[in-house]
Amino acid sequence: MNFDELCNSVMKIEDIRFAGILDKNGELVSGGYKDGLSSHLQSDESKMSFHYASKSWESRKNLSHRVGKEKFSIVEFEKVKQISVPVDSNNILLISVEPSVNHDQVVKGVFSLLEKQ
């Protein structure tokens, strides 16, 4: 799977602020912010956010033997929504959008892109 192409395609979905691939350690391996936009967080805080998103995904995998594999998760803050979608056994796609964005449409768009990969 070409992560750069995936992130670029995700950026074309409605009102995406950020699309990036995180490895199981929470390191950003591909992607970034839409041109002209920046994070609400400082650089070190962004790294912490990536780490937390990765560890949350990793911890939810512990229940998969009972409830099935995670398809996606959404965390809504006052200023941003974060959507996590596993792309393989070691990486997640982390997306951020404005709180008002219809996250169902974003998730459907991401699933459609992943089917084509």
PDB file of N, CA and C in Angstrom:
ATOM      1  N   MET A   1       0.846  -1.176   0.000  1.00  0.00           N
ATOM      2  CA  MET A   1       0.000   0.000   0.000  1.00  0.00           C
ATOM      3  C   MET A   1       0.894   1.242   0.000  1.00  0.00           C
ATOM      4  N   ASN A   2       0.577   2.177  -0.860  1.00  0.00           N
ATOM      5  CA  ASN A   2       1.338   3.419  -0.935  1.00  0.00           C
ATOM      6  C   ASN A   2       0.697   4.444   0.003  1.00  0.00           C
ATOM      7  N   PHE A   3       1.352   4.685   1.134  1.00  0.00           N
ATOM      8  CA  PHE A   3       0.792   5.573   2.152  1.00  0.00           C
ATOM      9  C   PHE A   3       0.713   7.025   1.690  1.00  0.00           C
ATOM     10  N   ASP A   4       1.687   7.470   0.901  1.00  0.00           N
ATOM     11  CA  ASP A   4       1.647   8.849   0.403  1.00  0.00           C
ATOM     12  C   ASP A   4       0.424   9.068  -0.479  1.00  0.00           C
ATOM     13  N   GLU A   5       0.164   8.119  -1.381  1.00  0.00           N
ATOM     14  CA  GLU A   5      -1.013   8.229  -2.256  1.00  0.00           C
ATOM     15  C   GLU A   5      -2.297   8.194  -1.444  1.00  0.00           C
ATOM     16  N   LEU A   6      -2.357   7.316  -0.443  1.00  0.00           N
ATOM     17  CA  LEU A   6      -3.548   7.227   0.392  1.00  0.00           C
ATOM     18  C   LEU A   6      -3.799   8.548   1.109  1.00  0.00           C
ATOM     19  N   CYS A   7      -2.772   9.103   1.732  1.00  0.00           N
ATOM     20  CA  CYS A   7      -2.941  10.369   2.455  1.00  0.00           C
ATOM     21  C   CYS A   7      -3.367  11.498   1.514  1.00  0.00           C
ATOM     22  N   ASN A   8      -2.766  11.556   0.324  1.00  0.00           N
ATOM     23  CA  ASN A   8      -3.145  12.579  -0.659  1.00  0.00           C
ATOM     24  C   ASN A   8      -4.598  12.422  -1.086  1.00  0.00           C
ATOM     25  N   SER A   9      -5.045  11.184  -1.267  1.00  0.00           N
ATOM     26  CA  SER A   9      -6.440  10.945  -1.650  1.00  0.00           C
ATOM     27  C   SER A   9      -7.396  11.305  -0.519  1.00  0.00           C
ATOM     28  N   VAL A  10      -7.015  10.981   0.711  1.00  0.00           N
ATOM     29  CA  VAL A  10      -7.868  11.324   1.863  1.00  0.00           C
ATOM     30  C   VAL A  10      -8.026  12.830   1.970  1.00  0.00           C
ATOM     31  N   MET A  11      -6.972  13.575   1.676  1.00  0.00           N
ATOM     32  CA  MET A  11      -7.031  15.045   1.760  1.00  0.00           C
ATOM     33  C   MET A  11      -8.096  15.638   0.843  1.00  0.00           C
ATOM     34  N   LYS A  12      -8.510  14.897  -0.168  1.00  0.00           N
ATOM     35  CA  LYS A  12      -9.518  15.396  -1.112  1.00  0.00           C
ATOM     36  C   LYS A  12     -10.940  15.189  -0.606  1.00  0.00           C
ATOM     37  N   ILE A  13     -11.086  14.444   0.502  1.00  0.00           N
ATOM     38  CA  ILE A  13     -12.401  14.239   1.105  1.00  0.00           C
ATOM     39  C   ILE A  13     -12.794  15.520   1.834  1.00  0.00           C
ATOM     40  N   GLU A  14     -14.061  15.729   2.015  1.00  0.00           N
ATOM     41  CA  GLU A  14     -14.630  16.938   2.629  1.00  0.00           C
ATOM     42  C   GLU A  14     -13.885  17.429   3.869  1.00  0.00           C
ATOM     43  N   ASP A  15     -13.365  18.641   3.785  1.00  0.00           N
ATOM     44  CA  ASP A  15     -12.857  19.398   4.933  1.00  0.00           C
ATOM     45  C   ASP A  15     -11.846  18.676   5.818  1.00  0.00           C
ATOM     46  N   ILE A  16     -10.946  17.931   5.235  1.00  0.00           N
ATOM     47  CA  ILE A  16      -9.907  17.252   5.998  1.00  0.00           C
ATOM     48  C   ILE A  16      -8.849  18.276   6.389  1.00  0.00           C
ATOM     49  N   ARG A  17      -8.460  18.285   7.651  1.00  0.00           N
ATOM     50  CA  ARG A  17      -7.375  19.157   8.136  1.00  0.00           C
ATOM     51  C   ARG A  17      -6.031  18.438   8.051  1.00  0.00           C
ATOM     52  N   PHE A  18      -6.047  17.149   8.439  1.00  0.00           N
ATOM     53  CA  PHE A  18      -4.824  16.371   8.556  1.00  0.00           C
ATOM     54  C   PHE A  18      -5.125  14.932   8.176  1.00  0.00           C
ATOM     55  N   ALA A  19      -4.197  14.304   7.481  1.00  0.00           N
ATOM     56  CA  ALA A  19      -4.268  12.875   7.206  1.00  0.00           C
ATOM     57  C   ALA A  19      -2.855  12.336   7.280  1.00  0.00           C
ATOM     58  N   GLY A  20      -2.658  11.369   8.159  1.00  0.00           N
ATOM     59  CA  GLY A  20      -1.321  10.810   8.317  1.00  0.00           C
ATOM     60  C   GLY A  20      -1.364   9.351   8.717  1.00  0.00           C
ATOM     61  N   ILE A  21      -0.320   8.642   8.360  1.00  0.00           N
ATOM     62  CA  ILE A  21      -0.174   7.246   8.752  1.00  0.00           C
ATOM     63  C   ILE A  21       0.754   7.200   9.959  1.00  0.00           C
ATOM     64  N   LEU A  22       0.282   6.526  11.012  1.00  0.00           N
ATOM     65  CA  LEU A  22       1.081   6.331  12.217  1.00  0.00           C
ATOM     66  C   LEU A  22       1.461   4.867  12.323  1.00  0.00           C
ATOM     67  N   ASP A  23       2.702   4.611  12.717  1.00  0.00           N
ATOM     68  CA  ASP A  23       3.094   3.232  12.962  1.00  0.00           C
ATOM     69  C   ASP A  23       2.678   2.831  14.375  1.00  0.00           C
ATOM     70  N   LYS A  24       2.975   1.603  14.762  1.00  0.00           N
ATOM     71  CA  LYS A  24       2.511   1.107  16.058  1.00  0.00           C
ATOM     72  C   LYS A  24       3.160   1.828  17.234  1.00  0.00           C
ATOM     73  N   ASN A  25       4.225   2.603  16.968  1.00  0.00           N
ATOM     74  CA  ASN A  25       4.865   3.398  18.019  1.00  0.00           C
ATOM     75  C   ASN A  25       4.364   4.835  18.051  1.00  0.00           C
ATOM     76  N   GLY A  26       3.411   5.152  17.169  1.00  0.00           N
ATOM     77  CA  GLY A  26       2.868   6.501  17.128  1.00  0.00           C
ATOM     78  C   GLY A  26       3.710   7.483  16.341  1.00  0.00           C
ATOM     79  N   GLU A  27       4.637   6.963  15.544  1.00  0.00           N
ATOM     80  CA  GLU A  27       5.471   7.824  14.702  1.00  0.00           C
ATOM     81  C   GLU A  27       4.750   8.112  13.390  1.00  0.00           C
ATOM     82  N   LEU A  28       4.776   9.363  12.966  1.00  0.00           N
ATOM     83  CA  LEU A  28       4.181   9.750  11.690  1.00  0.00           C
ATOM     84  C   LEU A  28       5.100   9.276  10.570  1.00  0.00           C
ATOM     85  N   VAL A  29       4.601   8.383   9.715  1.00  0.00           N
ATOM     86  CA  VAL A  29       5.422   7.844   8.623  1.00  0.00           C
ATOM     87  C   VAL A  29       5.038   8.425   7.261  1.00  0.00           C
ATOM     88  N   SER A  30       3.878   9.063   7.193  1.00  0.00           N
ATOM     89  CA  SER A  30       3.437   9.665   5.931  1.00  0.00           C
ATOM     90  C   SER A  30       2.326  10.661   6.229  1.00  0.00           C
ATOM     91  N   GLY A  31       2.175  11.644   5.353  1.00  0.00           N
ATOM     92  CA  GLY A  31       1.056  12.572   5.461  1.00  0.00           C
ATOM     93  C   GLY A  31       1.405  13.849   6.200  1.00  0.00           C
ATOM     94  N   GLY A  32       0.368  14.623   6.476  1.00  0.00           N
ATOM     95  CA  GLY A  32       0.543  15.898   7.158  1.00  0.00           C
ATOM     96  C   GLY A  32      -0.706  16.747   7.043  1.00  0.00           C
ATOM     97  N   TYR A  33      -0.535  18.041   7.266  1.00  0.00           N
ATOM     98  CA  TYR A  33      -1.645  18.983   7.248  1.00  0.00           C
ATOM     99  C   TYR A  33      -1.929  19.486   5.851  1.00  0.00           C
ATOM    100  N   LYS A  34      -3.196  19.814   5.625  1.00  0.00           N
ATOM    101  CA  LYS A  34      -3.601  20.426   4.357  1.00  0.00           C
ATOM    102  C   LYS A  34      -2.866  21.757   4.223  1.00  0.00           C
ATOM    103  N   ASP A  35      -2.472  22.076   3.010  1.00  0.00           N
ATOM    104  CA  ASP A  35      -1.766  23.336   2.758  1.00  0.00           C
ATOM    105  C   ASP A  35      -2.534  24.504   3.359  1.00  0.00           C
ATOM    106  N   GLY A  36      -1.820  25.349   4.078  1.00  0.00           N
ATOM    107  CA  GLY A  36      -2.416  26.534   4.672  1.00  0.00           C
ATOM    108  C   GLY A  36      -2.995  26.309   6.060  1.00  0.00           C
ATOM    109  N   LEU A  37      -3.044  25.061   6.510  1.00  0.00           N
ATOM    110  CA  LEU A  37      -3.564  24.767   7.844  1.00  0.00           C
ATOM    111  C   LEU A  37      -2.431  24.314   8.754  1.00  0.00           C
ATOM    112  N   SER A  38      -2.634  24.515  10.041  1.00  0.00           N
ATOM    113  CA  SER A  38      -1.650  24.044  11.014  1.00  0.00           C
ATOM    114  C   SER A  38      -2.395  23.399  12.174  1.00  0.00           C
ATOM    115  N   SER A  39      -1.626  22.767  13.003  1.00  0.00           N
ATOM    116  CA  SER A  39      -2.179  22.057  14.150  1.00  0.00           C
ATOM    117  C   SER A  39      -2.623  23.037  15.235  1.00  0.00           C
ATOM    118  N   HIS A  40      -3.593  22.618  16.022  1.00  0.00           N
ATOM    119  CA  HIS A  40      -3.955  23.354  17.228  1.00  0.00           C
ATOM    120  C   HIS A  40      -2.910  23.114  18.316  1.00  0.00           C
ATOM    121  N   LEU A  41      -2.052  22.132  18.100  1.00  0.00           N
ATOM    122  CA  LEU A  41      -1.068  21.705  19.094  1.00  0.00           C
ATOM    123  C   LEU A  41       0.332  22.153  18.709  1.00  0.00           C
ATOM    124  N   GLN A  42       1.189  22.282  19.702  1.00  0.00           N
ATOM    125  CA  GLN A  42       2.615  22.502  19.468  1.00  0.00           C
ATOM    126  C   GLN A  42       3.207  21.195  18.943  1.00  0.00           C
ATOM    127  N   SER A  43       4.405  21.254  18.387  1.00  0.00           N
ATOM    128  CA  SER A  43       5.034  20.079  17.789  1.00  0.00           C
ATOM    129  C   SER A  43       5.124  18.907  18.766  1.00  0.00           C
ATOM    130  N   ASP A  44       5.572  19.145  19.988  1.00  0.00           N
ATOM    131  CA  ASP A  44       5.698  18.058  20.961  1.00  0.00           C
ATOM    132  C   ASP A  44       4.334  17.526  21.384  1.00  0.00           C
ATOM    133  N   GLU A  45       3.332  18.396  21.407  1.00  0.00           N
ATOM    134  CA  GLU A  45       1.973  17.964  21.735  1.00  0.00           C
ATOM    135  C   GLU A  45       1.388  17.116  20.614  1.00  0.00           C
ATOM    136  N   SER A  46       1.702  17.450  19.368  1.00  0.00           N
ATOM    137  CA  SER A  46       1.256  16.632  18.235  1.00  0.00           C
ATOM    138  C   SER A  46       1.845  15.235  18.335  1.00  0.00           C
ATOM    139  N   LYS A  47       3.122  15.162  18.673  1.00  0.00           N
ATOM    140  CA  LYS A  47       3.758  13.849  18.835  1.00  0.00           C
ATOM    141  C   LYS A  47       3.083  13.058  19.949  1.00  0.00           C
ATOM    142  N   MET A  48       2.719  13.727  21.037  1.00  0.00           N
ATOM    143  CA  MET A  48       2.003  13.052  22.127  1.00  0.00           C
ATOM    144  C   MET A  48       0.645  12.563  21.641  1.00  0.00           C
ATOM    145  N   SER A  49      -0.051  13.399  20.876  1.00  0.00           N
ATOM    146  CA  SER A  49      -1.360  13.023  20.347  1.00  0.00           C
ATOM    147  C   SER A  49      -1.245  11.795  19.447  1.00  0.00           C
ATOM    148  N   PHE A  50      -0.230  11.757  18.596  1.00  0.00           N
ATOM    149  CA  PHE A  50       0.002  10.602  17.725  1.00  0.00           C
ATOM    150  C   PHE A  50       0.253   9.357  18.567  1.00  0.00           C
ATOM    151  N   HIS A  51       1.086   9.512  19.583  1.00  0.00           N
ATOM    152  CA  HIS A  51       1.403   8.386  20.467  1.00  0.00           C
ATOM    153  C   HIS A  51       0.141   7.870  21.146  1.00  0.00           C
ATOM    154  N   TYR A  52      -0.678   8.771  21.679  1.00  0.00           N
ATOM    155  CA  TYR A  52      -1.908   8.373  22.368  1.00  0.00           C
ATOM    156  C   TYR A  52      -2.879   7.679  21.419  1.00  0.00           C
ATOM    157  N   ALA A  53      -3.005   8.194  20.193  1.00  0.00           N
ATOM    158  CA  ALA A  53      -3.907   7.573  19.215  1.00  0.00           C
ATOM    159  C   ALA A  53      -3.441   6.157  18.895  1.00  0.00           C
ATOM    160  N   SER A  54      -2.140   5.991  18.730  1.00  0.00           N
ATOM    161  CA  SER A  54      -1.588   4.677  18.423  1.00  0.00           C
ATOM    162  C   SER A  54      -1.783   3.704  19.585  1.00  0.00           C
ATOM    163  N   LYS A  55      -1.525   4.155  20.784  1.00  0.00           N
ATOM    164  CA  LYS A  55      -1.663   3.286  21.959  1.00  0.00           C
ATOM    165  C   LYS A  55      -3.130   2.948  22.226  1.00  0.00           C
ATOM    166  N   SER A  56      -4.037   3.865  21.977  1.00  0.00           N
ATOM    167  CA  SER A  56      -5.470   3.576  22.129  1.00  0.00           C
ATOM    168  C   SER A  56      -5.894   2.484  21.163  1.00  0.00           C
ATOM    169  N   TRP A  57      -5.439   2.602  19.916  1.00  0.00           N
ATOM    170  CA  TRP A  57      -5.745   1.587  18.911  1.00  0.00           C
ATOM    171  C   TRP A  57      -5.159   0.250  19.334  1.00  0.00           C
ATOM    172  N   GLU A  58      -3.923   0.271  19.789  1.00  0.00           N
ATOM    173  CA  GLU A  58      -3.254  -0.962  20.212  1.00  0.00           C
ATOM    174  C   GLU A  58      -4.007  -1.622  21.367  1.00  0.00           C
ATOM    175  N   SER A  59      -4.480  -0.824  22.312  1.00  0.00           N
ATOM    176  CA  SER A  59      -5.194  -1.392  23.467  1.00  0.00           C
ATOM    177  C   SER A  59      -6.546  -1.973  23.071  1.00  0.00           C
ATOM    178  N   ARG A  60      -7.204  -1.375  22.095  1.00  0.00           N
ATOM    179  CA  ARG A  60      -8.497  -1.914  21.648  1.00  0.00           C
ATOM    180  C   ARG A  60      -8.341  -3.244  20.928  1.00  0.00           C
ATOM    181  N   LYS A  61      -7.165  -3.497  20.366  1.00  0.00           N
ATOM    182  CA  LYS A  61      -6.913  -4.774  19.702  1.00  0.00           C
ATOM    183  C   LYS A  61      -7.026  -5.936  20.691  1.00  0.00           C
ATOM    184  N   ASN A  62      -6.834  -5.654  21.979  1.00  0.00           N
ATOM    185  CA  ASN A  62      -6.922  -6.703  23.003  1.00  0.00           C
ATOM    186  C   ASN A  62      -8.318  -7.304  23.100  1.00  0.00           C
ATOM    187  N   LEU A  63      -9.326  -6.599  22.644  1.00  0.00           N
ATOM    188  CA  LEU A  63     -10.706  -7.089  22.705  1.00  0.00           C
ATOM    189  C   LEU A  63     -11.172  -7.709  21.394  1.00  0.00           C
ATOM    190  N   SER A  64     -10.350  -7.654  20.383  1.00  0.00           N
ATOM    191  CA  SER A  64     -10.791  -8.088  19.048  1.00  0.00           C
ATOM    192  C   SER A  64     -11.181  -9.560  18.996  1.00  0.00           C
ATOM    193  N   HIS A  65     -10.599 -10.380  19.837  1.00  0.00           N
ATOM    194  CA  HIS A  65     -10.957 -11.796  19.827  1.00  0.00           C
ATOM    195  C   HIS A  65     -12.405 -12.003  20.268  1.00  0.00           C
ATOM    196  N   ARG A  66     -12.987 -11.012  20.946  1.00  0.00           N
ATOM    197  CA  ARG A  66     -14.381 -11.106  21.399  1.00  0.00           C
ATOM    198  C   ARG A  66     -15.362 -10.328  20.523  1.00  0.00           C
ATOM    199  N   VAL A  67     -14.949  -9.147  20.096  1.00  0.00           N
ATOM    200  CA  VAL A  67     -15.893  -8.273  19.400  1.00  0.00           C
ATOM    201  C   VAL A  67     -15.548  -8.042  17.926  1.00  0.00           C
ATOM    202  N   GLY A  68     -14.449  -8.617  17.470  1.00  0.00           N
ATOM    203  CA  GLY A  68     -14.034  -8.438  16.087  1.00  0.00           C
ATOM    204  C   GLY A  68     -13.039  -7.298  15.959  1.00  0.00           C
ATOM    205  N   LYS A  69     -12.473  -7.171  14.773  1.00  0.00           N
ATOM    206  CA  LYS A  69     -11.465  -6.140  14.521  1.00  0.00           C
ATOM    207  C   LYS A  69     -12.096  -4.754  14.521  1.00  0.00           C
ATOM    208  N   GLU A  70     -11.330  -3.810  15.019  1.00  0.00           N
ATOM    209  CA  GLU A  70     -11.775  -2.413  15.000  1.00  0.00           C
ATOM    210  C   GLU A  70     -11.838  -1.918  13.559  1.00  0.00           C
ATOM    211  N   LYS A  71     -12.929  -1.247  13.230  1.00  0.00           N
ATOM    212  CA  LYS A  71     -13.066  -0.664  11.899  1.00  0.00           C
ATOM    213  C   LYS A  71     -12.600   0.786  11.887  1.00  0.00           C
ATOM    214  N   PHE A  72     -12.987   1.541  12.902  1.00  0.00           N
ATOM    215  CA  PHE A  72     -12.569   2.930  13.052  1.00  0.00           C
ATOM    216  C   PHE A  72     -12.931   3.396  14.451  1.00  0.00           C
ATOM    217  N   SER A  73     -12.349   4.517  14.850  1.00  0.00           N
ATOM    218  CA  SER A  73     -12.746   5.154  16.105  1.00  0.00           C
ATOM    219  C   SER A  73     -12.735   6.658  15.891  1.00  0.00           C
ATOM    220  N   ILE A  74     -13.543   7.335  16.685  1.00  0.00           N
ATOM    221  CA  ILE A  74     -13.662   8.792  16.579  1.00  0.00           C
ATOM    222  C   ILE A  74     -13.568   9.382  17.970  1.00  0.00           C
ATOM    223  N   VAL A  75     -12.755  10.419  18.092  1.00  0.00           N
ATOM    224  CA  VAL A  75     -12.678  11.201  19.316  1.00  0.00           C
ATOM    225  C   VAL A  75     -13.025  12.628  18.932  1.00  0.00           C
ATOM    226  N   GLU A  76     -14.015  13.195  19.610  1.00  0.00           N
ATOM    227  CA  GLU A  76     -14.404  14.568  19.310  1.00  0.00           C
ATOM    228  C   GLU A  76     -13.998  15.478  20.456  1.00  0.00           C
ATOM    229  N   PHE A  77     -13.185  16.458  20.123  1.00  0.00           N
ATOM    230  CA  PHE A  77     -12.802  17.521  21.042  1.00  0.00           C
ATOM    231  C   PHE A  77     -13.607  18.760  20.679  1.00  0.00           C
ATOM    232  N   GLU A  78     -13.501  19.810  21.448  1.00  0.00           N
ATOM    233  CA  GLU A  78     -14.227  21.037  21.124  1.00  0.00           C
ATOM    234  C   GLU A  78     -13.764  21.656  19.809  1.00  0.00           C
ATOM    235  N   LYS A  79     -12.475  21.528  19.498  1.00  0.00           N
ATOM    236  CA  LYS A  79     -11.920  22.205  18.325  1.00  0.00           C
ATOM    237  C   LYS A  79     -11.626  21.297  17.140  1.00  0.00           C
ATOM    238  N   VAL A  80     -11.704  19.984  17.330  1.00  0.00           N
ATOM    239  CA  VAL A  80     -11.334  19.071  16.250  1.00  0.00           C
ATOM    240  C   VAL A  80     -11.878  17.672  16.542  1.00  0.00           C
ATOM    241  N   LYS A  81     -12.121  16.916  15.473  1.00  0.00           N
ATOM    242  CA  LYS A  81     -12.432  15.489  15.588  1.00  0.00           C
ATOM    243  C   LYS A  81     -11.239  14.724  15.040  1.00  0.00           C
ATOM    244  N   GLN A  82     -10.883  13.633  15.718  1.00  0.00           N
ATOM    245  CA  GLN A  82      -9.850  12.738  15.216  1.00  0.00           C
ATOM    246  C   GLN A  82     -10.496  11.405  14.881  1.00  0.00           C
ATOM    247  N   ILE A  83     -10.195  10.922  13.694  1.00  0.00           N
ATOM    248  CA  ILE A  83     -10.721   9.648  13.226  1.00  0.00           C
ATOM    249  C   ILE A  83      -9.526   8.734  12.985  1.00  0.00           C
ATOM    250  N   SER A  84      -9.563   7.548  13.586  1.00  0.00           N
ATOM    251  CA  SER A  84      -8.504   6.554  13.400  1.00  0.00           C
ATOM    252  C   SER A  84      -9.064   5.370  12.642  1.00  0.00           C
ATOM    253  N   VAL A  85      -8.345   4.948  11.611  1.00  0.00           N
ATOM    254  CA  VAL A  85      -8.753   3.800  10.801  1.00  0.00           C
ATOM    255  C   VAL A  85      -7.533   2.897  10.614  1.00  0.00           C
ATOM    256  N   PRO A  86      -7.600   1.649  11.088  1.00  0.00           N
ATOM    257  CA  PRO A  86      -6.481   0.740  10.836  1.00  0.00           C
ATOM    258  C   PRO A  86      -6.338   0.479   9.334  1.00  0.00           C
ATOM    259  N   VAL A  87      -5.096   0.537   8.838  1.00  0.00           N
ATOM    260  CA  VAL A  87      -4.874   0.248   7.422  1.00  0.00           C
ATOM    261  C   VAL A  87      -4.178  -1.096   7.224  1.00  0.00           C
ATOM    262  N   ASP A  88      -3.504  -1.577   8.245  1.00  0.00           N
ATOM    263  CA  ASP A  88      -2.927  -2.919   8.251  1.00  0.00           C
ATOM    264  C   ASP A  88      -2.622  -3.259   9.707  1.00  0.00           C
ATOM    265  N   SER A  89      -1.915  -4.334   9.955  1.00  0.00           N
ATOM    266  CA  SER A  89      -1.713  -4.781  11.338  1.00  0.00           C
ATOM    267  C   SER A  89      -0.750  -3.904  12.127  1.00  0.00           C
ATOM    268  N   ASN A  90      -0.019  -3.006  11.457  1.00  0.00           N
ATOM    269  CA  ASN A  90       0.969  -2.179  12.147  1.00  0.00           C
ATOM    270  C   ASN A  90       0.761  -0.682  12.025  1.00  0.00           C
ATOM    271  N   ASN A  91      -0.220  -0.240  11.250  1.00  0.00           N
ATOM    272  CA  ASN A  91      -0.363   1.189  10.964  1.00  0.00           C
ATOM    273  C   ASN A  91      -1.824   1.624  11.013  1.00  0.00           C
ATOM    274  N   ILE A  92      -2.001   2.870  11.441  1.00  0.00           N
ATOM    275  CA  ILE A  92      -3.341   3.454  11.397  1.00  0.00           C
ATOM    276  C   ILE A  92      -3.298   4.747  10.599  1.00  0.00           C
ATOM    277  N   LEU A  93      -4.424   5.055   9.997  1.00  0.00           N
ATOM    278  CA  LEU A  93      -4.627   6.324   9.333  1.00  0.00           C
ATOM    279  C   LEU A  93      -5.299   7.227  10.348  1.00  0.00           C
ATOM    280  N   LEU A  94      -4.649   8.333  10.683  1.00  0.00           N
ATOM    281  CA  LEU A  94      -5.219   9.307  11.607  1.00  0.00           C
ATOM    282  C   LEU A  94      -5.642  10.520  10.793  1.00  0.00           C
ATOM    283  N   ILE A  95      -6.894  10.922  10.973  1.00  0.00           N
ATOM    284  CA  ILE A  95      -7.469  12.038  10.225  1.00  0.00           C
ATOM    285  C   ILE A  95      -8.004  13.043  11.230  1.00  0.00           C
ATOM    286  N   SER A  96      -7.844  14.318  10.950  1.00  0.00           N
ATOM    287  CA  SER A  96      -8.517  15.323  11.771  1.00  0.00           C
ATOM    288  C   SER A  96      -9.376  16.200  10.871  1.00  0.00           C
ATOM    289  N   VAL A  97     -10.541  16.543  11.410  1.00  0.00           N
ATOM    290  CA  VAL A  97     -11.517  17.372  10.706  1.00  0.00           C
ATOM    291  C   VAL A  97     -12.092  18.377  11.693  1.00  0.00           C
ATOM    292  N   GLU A  98     -12.762  19.373  11.166  1.00  0.00           N
ATOM    293  CA  GLU A  98     -13.470  20.328  12.027  1.00  0.00           C
ATOM    294  C   GLU A  98     -14.609  19.589  12.730  1.00  0.00           C
ATOM    295  N   PRO A  99     -14.994  20.039  13.934  1.00  0.00           N
ATOM    296  CA  PRO A  99     -16.057  19.358  14.678  1.00  0.00           C
ATOM    297  C   PRO A  99     -17.392  19.282  13.934  1.00  0.00           C
ATOM    298  N   SER A 100     -17.659  20.236  13.070  1.00  0.00           N
ATOM    299  CA  SER A 100     -18.945  20.277  12.368  1.00  0.00           C
ATOM    300  C   SER A 100     -19.013  19.321  11.174  1.00  0.00           C
ATOM    301  N   VAL A 101     -17.885  18.738  10.781  1.00  0.00           N
ATOM    302  CA  VAL A 101     -17.846  17.861   9.612  1.00  0.00           C
ATOM    303  C   VAL A 101     -18.579  16.556   9.903  1.00  0.00           C
ATOM    304  N   ASN A 102     -19.319  16.067   8.919  1.00  0.00           N
ATOM    305  CA  ASN A 102     -20.028  14.798   9.031  1.00  0.00           C
ATOM    306  C   ASN A 102     -19.001  13.670   8.953  1.00  0.00           C
ATOM    307  N   HIS A 103     -18.644  13.120  10.104  1.00  0.00           N
ATOM    308  CA  HIS A 103     -17.602  12.097  10.131  1.00  0.00           C
ATOM    309  C   HIS A 103     -18.029  10.807   9.431  1.00  0.00           C
ATOM    310  N   ASP A 104     -19.341  10.536   9.370  1.00  0.00           N
ATOM    311  CA  ASP A 104     -19.800   9.343   8.654  1.00  0.00           C
ATOM    312  C   ASP A 104     -19.395   9.404   7.179  1.00  0.00           C
ATOM    313  N   GLN A 105     -19.517  10.577   6.574  1.00  0.00           N
ATOM    314  CA  GLN A 105     -19.131  10.733   5.171  1.00  0.00           C
ATOM    315  C   GLN A 105     -17.634  10.555   5.001  1.00  0.00           C
ATOM    316  N   VAL A 106     -16.857  11.066   5.955  1.00  0.00           N
ATOM    317  CA  VAL A 106     -15.399  10.914   5.885  1.00  0.00           C
ATOM    318  C   VAL A 106     -15.029   9.435   5.973  1.00  0.00           C
ATOM    319  N   VAL A 107     -15.603   8.724   6.933  1.00  0.00           N
ATOM    320  CA  VAL A 107     -15.301   7.303   7.111  1.00  0.00           C
ATOM    321  C   VAL A 107     -15.683   6.515   5.863  1.00  0.00           C
ATOM    322  N   LYS A 108     -16.855   6.785   5.295  1.00  0.00           N
ATOM    323  CA  LYS A 108     -17.263   6.101   4.067  1.00  0.00           C
ATOM    324  C   LYS A 108     -16.273   6.373   2.933  1.00  0.00           C
ATOM    325  N   GLY A 109     -15.832   7.615   2.824  1.00  0.00           N
ATOM    326  CA  GLY A 109     -14.855   7.966   1.798  1.00  0.00           C
ATOM    327  C   GLY A 109     -13.535   7.240   1.990  1.00  0.00           C
ATOM    328  N   VAL A 110     -13.092   7.136   3.240  1.00  0.00           N
ATOM    329  CA  VAL A 110     -11.843   6.428   3.535  1.00  0.00           C
ATOM    330  C   VAL A 110     -11.981   4.951   3.202  1.00  0.00           C
ATOM    331  N   PHE A 111     -13.090   4.330   3.607  1.00  0.00           N
ATOM    332  CA  PHE A 111     -13.293   2.918   3.287  1.00  0.00           C
ATOM    333  C   PHE A 111     -13.285   2.686   1.782  1.00  0.00           C
ATOM    334  N   SER A 112     -13.892   3.595   1.038  1.00  0.00           N
ATOM    335  CA  SER A 112     -13.907   3.476  -0.416  1.00  0.00           C
ATOM    336  C   SER A 112     -12.473   3.544  -0.973  1.00  0.00           C
ATOM    337  N   LEU A 113     -11.658   4.436  -0.438  1.00  0.00           N
ATOM    338  CA  LEU A 113     -10.267   4.540  -0.879  1.00  0.00           C
ATOM    339  C   LEU A 113      -9.477   3.288  -0.519  1.00  0.00           C
ATOM    340  N   LEU A 114      -9.710   2.766   0.679  1.00  0.00           N
ATOM    341  CA  LEU A 114      -8.976   1.582   1.110  1.00  0.00           C
ATOM    342  C   LEU A 114      -9.331   0.360   0.266  1.00  0.00           C
ATOM    343  N   GLU A 115     -10.565   0.276  -0.184  1.00  0.00           N
ATOM    344  CA  GLU A 115     -10.971  -0.834  -1.042  1.00  0.00           C
ATOM    345  C   GLU A 115     -10.211  -0.820  -2.364  1.00  0.00           C
ATOM    346  N   LYS A 116      -9.840   0.362  -2.819  1.00  0.00           N
ATOM    347  CA  LYS A 116      -9.136   0.512  -4.094  1.00  0.00           C
ATOM    348  C   LYS A 116      -7.633   0.260  -3.965  1.00  0.00           C
ATOM    349  N   GLN A 117      -7.124   0.226  -2.754  1.00  0.00           N
ATOM    350  CA  GLN A 117      -5.667   0.051  -2.537  1.00  0.00           C
ATOM    351  C   GLN A 117      -5.247  -1.379  -2.756  1.00  0.00           C
TER     352      GLN A 117
END
